[in-house]
Amino acid sequence: MPNRLEDDVRNAFERANDGTGSPDELLSAVRILVRDLKREGSPPEKVIVTVKQVCGLPMITFAGDTDAAADSTQAKQISDMMVRAAIDEYYSAPKFHTNPV
């Protein structure tokens, strides 16, 4: 059963692809979902699979997909950006929030 964070990513992905949303909105939603999954103990490969599944992306890569010039559509660029953001967020150092004194 999808949760609210997954719904946020799915909706932001759809809006980014149809031009009614911004890439920044999508990246923010992806980062929040990734942090949540990581906090729950999900390994990086499961996080990437979850992000791809939420957005209906294929789980496998075909030979032509490895050539960046092979598909330069906006949808492919948004998908690639989203997966890169998920990986970057997973491996980024934790952000600590301090309380003002």
Protein backbone atom coordinates (compact mmCIF):
# COMPACT_ATOMS: atom_id res chain seq x y z
CA MET A 1 0.00 0.00 0.00
CA PRO A 2 1.55 3.32 -1.04
CA ASN A 3 2.22 5.85 1.66
CA ARG A 4 1.94 9.63 1.58
CA LEU A 5 5.62 10.18 0.74
CA GLU A 6 5.37 7.79 -2.21
CA ASP A 7 2.23 9.59 -3.37
CA ASP A 8 4.09 12.91 -3.12
CA VAL A 9 6.90 11.58 -5.35
CA ARG A 10 4.47 10.05 -7.85
CA ASN A 11 2.44 13.26 -8.11
CA ALA A 12 5.55 15.46 -8.39
CA PHE A 13 6.95 13.14 -11.10
CA GLU A 14 3.73 13.36 -13.10
CA ARG A 15 3.62 17.15 -12.75
CA ALA A 16 7.29 17.52 -13.73
CA ASN A 17 6.69 15.43 -16.85
CA ASP A 18 3.54 17.23 -17.94
CA GLY A 19 5.01 20.67 -17.29
CA THR A 20 2.73 21.72 -14.44
CA GLY A 21 5.35 21.08 -11.76
CA SER A 22 8.99 21.90 -11.27
CA PRO A 23 12.03 19.62 -11.13
CA ASP A 24 12.85 21.16 -7.75
CA GLU A 25 9.50 20.00 -6.37
CA LEU A 26 10.24 16.47 -7.60
CA LEU A 27 13.77 16.44 -6.21
CA SER A 28 12.53 17.64 -2.83
CA ALA A 29 9.90 14.88 -2.70
CA VAL A 30 12.47 12.25 -3.75
CA ARG A 31 14.94 13.38 -1.09
CA ILE A 32 12.31 13.24 1.64
CA LEU A 33 11.25 9.72 0.59
CA VAL A 34 14.88 8.54 0.40
CA ARG A 35 15.65 9.87 3.88
CA ASP A 36 12.57 8.10 5.24
CA LEU A 37 13.46 4.79 3.57
CA LYS A 38 17.08 5.04 4.75
CA ARG A 39 15.93 5.81 8.31
CA GLU A 40 13.82 2.63 8.14
CA GLY A 41 16.97 0.67 7.23
CA SER A 42 16.32 0.10 3.53
CA PRO A 43 19.50 -0.70 1.57
CA PRO A 44 20.36 1.60 -1.35
CA GLU A 45 19.27 -0.82 -4.07
CA LYS A 46 15.82 -1.18 -2.46
CA VAL A 47 15.51 2.60 -2.23
CA ILE A 48 16.25 2.99 -5.96
CA VAL A 49 13.80 0.21 -6.85
CA THR A 50 11.12 1.85 -4.70
CA VAL A 51 11.63 5.27 -6.29
CA LYS A 52 11.50 3.75 -9.78
CA GLN A 53 8.39 1.69 -8.98
CA VAL A 54 6.58 4.67 -7.48
CA CYS A 55 7.04 6.51 -10.79
CA GLY A 56 6.37 3.53 -13.05
CA LEU A 57 9.91 3.41 -14.42
CA PRO A 58 11.44 0.20 -15.83
CA MET A 59 13.56 -1.83 -13.42
CA ILE A 60 16.05 -2.97 -16.05
CA THR A 61 18.39 -1.06 -18.31
CA PHE A 62 18.71 -1.92 -21.96
CA ALA A 63 21.92 -1.41 -23.94
CA GLY A 64 20.53 1.68 -25.65
CA ASP A 65 19.66 3.21 -22.28
CA THR A 66 23.33 3.45 -21.33
CA ASP A 67 23.98 5.93 -24.14
CA ALA A 68 22.95 9.33 -22.81
CA ALA A 69 22.45 10.59 -26.35
CA ALA A 70 20.12 7.71 -27.23
CA ASP A 71 17.12 9.23 -25.45
CA SER A 72 17.19 12.93 -24.75
CA THR A 73 13.45 13.32 -24.14
CA GLN A 74 12.31 15.44 -21.23
CA ALA A 75 10.81 12.36 -19.52
CA LYS A 76 14.15 10.50 -19.71
CA GLN A 77 16.05 13.53 -18.41
CA ILE A 78 13.64 13.91 -15.50
CA SER A 79 13.86 10.18 -14.71
CA ASP A 80 17.66 10.24 -14.77
CA MET A 81 17.76 13.37 -12.60
CA MET A 82 15.41 11.75 -10.09
CA VAL A 83 17.46 8.54 -9.81
CA ARG A 84 20.71 10.53 -9.43
CA ALA A 85 19.09 12.62 -6.69
CA ALA A 86 17.98 9.45 -4.88
CA ILE A 87 21.52 8.04 -4.96
CA ASP A 88 23.08 11.36 -3.91
CA GLU A 89 20.63 11.75 -1.04
CA TYR A 90 21.14 8.20 0.18
CA TYR A 91 24.91 8.65 0.42
CA SER A 92 24.96 12.25 1.62
CA ALA A 93 26.08 13.02 5.13
CA PRO A 94 23.22 13.35 7.61
CA LYS A 95 22.00 16.87 8.14
CA PHE A 96 21.92 17.84 11.78
CA HIS A 97 19.59 20.53 12.98
CA THR A 98 20.64 22.45 16.05
CA ASN A 99 18.35 24.36 18.30
CA PRO A 100 19.05 28.08 18.60
CA VAL A 101 20.52 29.09 21.94
